[in-house]
């Protein structure tokens, strides 16, 4: 396995992808990293982009599989999981309090690439009807169960990058259901700014 430097822009994007679709844990005899997205919406992203991307960053060959509702891969590697956990600071197990690592936040370039990875996995580009018959008004929405991540997104997008945005949370009063925190950017000017500064590698957003 290759060990990328923290200043690697591709690594920053991969951290965003991990924050959105990734999970990992350490077991008695192995360590397992998984990455899974929507089977249909993310099909091209996972089959065309993800394998080459992970090969370029880590020098690993991943095999994309399809499950009933998701598409992705599982990769058993102690070196990969311990690098992500001990060096990058990403959590083992549940991600309800996952956050962007501090070394990413200190760099605008790294933050932009990390945001791209988060958008491509936990975000979407949609269009509203507003007062017209057909949807035309663009908006980007990023949703997460991590309150800390949501607060970081607001700080970066609103205070650092000067986006106009709105944010809200949906609370589920059911056992085992997590609150969902949303960040929304609306309007053609904001969307154009997003794709100029941050961009996307997921075909569903392009």
Protein backbone atom coordinates (compact mmCIF):
# COMPACT_ATOMS: atom_id res chain seq x y z
CA UNK A 1 0.00 0.00 0.00
CA UNK A 2 1.20 3.51 -0.81
CA UNK A 3 1.05 6.07 1.99
CA UNK A 4 0.03 9.48 0.60
CA UNK A 5 1.16 12.73 2.17
CA UNK A 6 -1.38 14.85 4.03
CA UNK A 7 -0.85 17.63 1.48
CA UNK A 8 -2.10 15.38 -1.33
CA UNK A 9 -5.22 16.95 -2.87
CA UNK A 10 -6.56 13.57 -3.98
CA UNK A 11 -6.25 12.33 -0.39
CA UNK A 12 -8.32 15.32 0.80
CA UNK A 13 -11.08 14.35 -1.66
CA UNK A 14 -10.86 10.71 -0.57
CA UNK A 15 -11.31 11.79 3.05
CA UNK A 16 -14.51 13.53 1.96
CA UNK A 17 -15.64 10.37 0.17
CA UNK A 18 -14.90 8.37 3.33
CA UNK A 19 -16.86 10.83 5.47
CA UNK A 20 -19.85 10.36 3.17
CA UNK A 21 -19.89 6.71 2.10
CA UNK A 22 -17.06 5.03 4.01
CA UNK A 23 -16.91 2.93 7.16
CA UNK A 24 -14.21 0.91 8.86
CA UNK A 25 -13.56 -1.16 11.92
CA UNK A 26 -11.00 -3.36 13.60
CA UNK A 27 -11.87 -6.97 14.36
CA UNK A 28 -10.02 -9.78 16.14
CA UNK A 29 -8.20 -11.07 13.07
CA UNK A 30 -8.52 -8.29 10.52
CA UNK A 31 -9.37 -4.68 9.74
CA UNK A 32 -12.04 -3.90 7.17
CA UNK A 33 -12.73 -0.76 5.15
CA UNK A 34 -15.99 -0.44 3.20
CA UNK A 35 -17.26 2.15 0.74
CA UNK A 36 -20.86 1.95 -0.46
CA UNK A 37 -23.18 4.24 -2.39
CA UNK A 38 -26.60 4.12 -4.03
CA UNK A 39 -26.75 1.20 -6.44
CA UNK A 40 -28.34 3.16 -9.28
CA UNK A 41 -27.64 6.87 -8.68
CA UNK A 42 -23.94 6.25 -8.01
CA UNK A 43 -23.37 3.42 -10.48
CA UNK A 44 -21.13 5.37 -12.88
CA UNK A 45 -19.26 7.03 -10.02
CA UNK A 46 -18.40 3.67 -8.47
CA UNK A 47 -17.63 1.80 -11.67
CA UNK A 48 -15.80 4.51 -13.63
CA UNK A 49 -14.18 6.79 -11.05
CA UNK A 50 -13.68 5.05 -7.70
CA UNK A 51 -11.40 2.09 -8.73
CA UNK A 52 -8.84 4.26 -10.54
CA UNK A 53 -8.99 6.89 -7.79
CA UNK A 54 -8.12 4.44 -5.01
CA UNK A 55 -5.43 2.87 -7.18
CA UNK A 56 -3.86 6.30 -7.69
CA UNK A 57 -3.95 7.29 -4.01
CA UNK A 58 -3.20 4.07 -2.16
CA UNK A 59 -1.95 1.72 -4.88
CA UNK A 60 -4.72 -0.76 -4.05
CA UNK A 61 -7.00 -2.63 -6.42
CA UNK A 62 -10.64 -2.58 -5.36
CA UNK A 63 -13.35 -4.79 -6.80
CA UNK A 64 -16.74 -3.13 -7.17
CA UNK A 65 -19.69 -5.28 -6.10
CA UNK A 66 -23.44 -4.82 -6.23
CA UNK A 67 -25.75 -5.58 -3.31
CA UNK A 68 -29.57 -5.28 -3.40
CA UNK A 69 -29.58 -1.54 -2.66
CA UNK A 70 -25.96 -0.41 -2.73
CA UNK A 71 -22.80 -0.59 -4.82
CA UNK A 72 -19.23 -0.45 -3.59
CA UNK A 73 -16.38 -2.49 -2.20
CA UNK A 74 -14.89 -3.99 0.95
CA UNK A 75 -11.15 -4.10 1.47
CA UNK A 76 -9.39 -5.95 4.27
CA UNK A 77 -6.21 -4.11 5.25
CA UNK A 78 -4.75 -3.29 8.65
CA UNK A 79 -2.35 -0.79 7.04
CA UNK A 80 -5.17 1.15 5.35
CA UNK A 81 -7.49 1.22 8.37
CA UNK A 82 -4.75 2.17 10.83
CA UNK A 83 -3.50 4.92 8.50
CA UNK A 84 -6.99 6.34 8.22
CA UNK A 85 -7.61 6.08 11.96
CA UNK A 86 -4.23 6.91 13.53
CA UNK A 87 -2.84 9.36 10.95
CA UNK A 88 -5.93 10.96 9.40
CA UNK A 89 -8.05 10.82 12.56
CA UNK A 90 -11.11 9.15 11.06
CA UNK A 91 -13.26 7.11 13.47
CA UNK A 92 -13.69 3.37 13.75
CA UNK A 93 -17.28 2.15 13.88
CA UNK A 94 -20.28 4.54 13.79
CA UNK A 95 -19.81 7.95 12.15
CA UNK A 96 -22.43 9.93 14.07
CA UNK A 97 -19.74 12.35 15.24
CA UNK A 98 -17.43 12.18 12.21
CA UNK A 99 -15.72 15.44 11.30
CA UNK A 100 -13.27 16.94 8.84
CA UNK A 101 -9.69 16.55 10.17
CA UNK A 102 -8.02 19.74 11.40
CA UNK A 103 -5.17 19.59 8.91
CA UNK A 104 -7.76 19.80 6.11
CA UNK A 105 -9.45 22.83 7.67
CA UNK A 106 -6.16 24.76 7.74
CA UNK A 107 -5.89 24.73 3.93
CA UNK A 108 -8.44 26.22 1.54
CA UNK A 109 -7.26 23.98 -1.31
CA UNK A 110 -7.55 20.83 0.81
CA UNK A 111 -10.94 21.97 2.17
CA UNK A 112 -12.29 22.43 -1.36
CA UNK A 113 -11.27 18.94 -2.40
CA UNK A 114 -12.65 17.41 0.80
CA UNK A 115 -15.94 19.21 0.21
CA UNK A 116 -16.04 17.72 -3.30
CA UNK A 117 -15.82 14.23 -1.84
CA UNK A 118 -18.53 14.96 0.73
CA UNK A 119 -20.81 16.46 -1.94
CA UNK A 120 -20.31 13.50 -4.28
CA UNK A 121 -21.39 11.05 -1.56
CA UNK A 122 -23.66 12.87 0.92
CA UNK A 123 -24.91 15.65 -1.35
CA UNK A 124 -27.10 16.13 -4.39
CA UNK A 125 -27.96 18.73 -7.02
CA UNK A 126 -31.70 19.20 -7.47
CA UNK A 127 -34.05 21.75 -9.06
CA UNK A 128 -37.08 23.46 -7.55
CA UNK A 129 -40.24 24.57 -9.38
CA UNK A 130 -40.80 27.66 -7.23
CA UNK A 131 -43.46 29.63 -9.21
CA UNK A 132 -43.03 27.79 -12.52
CA UNK A 133 -44.51 24.57 -13.86
CA UNK A 134 -41.17 22.86 -14.42
CA UNK A 135 -38.20 22.60 -12.01
CA UNK A 136 -35.57 25.20 -12.88
CA UNK A 137 -34.09 26.72 -9.70
CA UNK A 138 -30.91 24.84 -8.68
CA UNK A 139 -29.95 23.88 -5.17
CA UNK A 140 -27.23 21.80 -3.57
CA UNK A 141 -28.09 19.91 -0.39
CA UNK A 142 -25.64 18.06 1.86
CA UNK A 143 -27.11 15.94 4.65
CA UNK A 144 -25.35 14.26 7.56
CA UNK A 145 -26.10 12.64 10.91
CA UNK A 146 -23.03 14.33 12.41
CA UNK A 147 -23.84 17.65 14.08
CA UNK A 148 -20.14 18.49 14.28
CA UNK A 149 -19.66 17.93 10.54
CA UNK A 150 -22.69 20.09 9.82
CA UNK A 151 -21.20 22.90 11.91
CA UNK A 152 -17.90 22.57 10.04
CA UNK A 153 -19.67 22.76 6.67
CA UNK A 154 -21.45 25.94 7.70
CA UNK A 155 -18.18 27.46 8.95
CA UNK A 156 -16.29 26.66 5.74
CA UNK A 157 -19.02 27.48 3.24
CA UNK A 158 -20.54 30.54 4.91
CA UNK A 159 -17.68 32.19 6.77
CA UNK A 160 -14.63 31.15 4.73
CA UNK A 161 -15.98 30.78 1.19
CA UNK A 162 -18.81 33.32 1.56
CA UNK A 163 -21.67 31.20 0.21
CA UNK A 164 -25.24 32.18 0.96
CA UNK A 165 -26.82 29.14 2.57
CA UNK A 166 -29.53 27.83 4.84
CA UNK A 167 -29.36 25.01 7.35
CA UNK A 168 -31.88 22.95 9.29
CA UNK A 169 -32.25 19.67 11.15
CA UNK A 170 -34.88 16.96 11.08
CA UNK A 171 -35.49 15.13 14.35
CA UNK A 172 -36.87 11.59 14.45
CA UNK A 173 -38.46 10.55 17.71
CA UNK A 174 -37.85 6.90 17.06
CA UNK A 175 -35.43 4.57 18.74
CA UNK A 176 -32.39 3.91 16.58
CA UNK A 177 -33.10 6.84 14.22
CA UNK A 178 -30.53 9.63 14.05
CA UNK A 179 -31.24 13.32 13.52
CA UNK A 180 -30.40 14.59 10.02
CA UNK A 181 -28.61 17.92 9.60
CA UNK A 182 -28.86 19.74 6.26
CA UNK A 183 -26.91 22.48 4.51
CA UNK A 184 -28.51 23.99 1.39
CA UNK A 185 -27.07 26.36 -1.23
CA UNK A 186 -29.55 27.82 -3.72
CA UNK A 187 -29.51 29.85 -6.92
CA UNK A 188 -27.57 29.86 -10.17
CA UNK A 189 -24.89 32.27 -8.91
CA UNK A 190 -24.11 30.11 -5.88
CA UNK A 191 -24.19 26.87 -7.87
CA UNK A 192 -21.81 28.26 -10.51
CA UNK A 193 -19.49 29.39 -7.72
CA UNK A 194 -19.62 25.88 -6.22
CA UNK A 195 -18.60 24.17 -9.44
CA UNK A 196 -15.86 26.72 -10.07
CA UNK A 197 -14.35 26.45 -6.58
CA UNK A 198 -15.20 22.90 -5.51
CA UNK A 199 -16.53 20.88 -8.45
CA UNK A 200 -17.70 17.28 -8.61
CA UNK A 201 -16.43 13.93 -9.87
CA UNK A 202 -19.78 12.16 -9.61
CA UNK A 203 -21.55 12.03 -13.01
CA UNK A 204 -24.96 12.40 -11.33
CA UNK A 205 -24.00 15.96 -10.35
CA UNK A 206 -22.46 17.06 -13.65
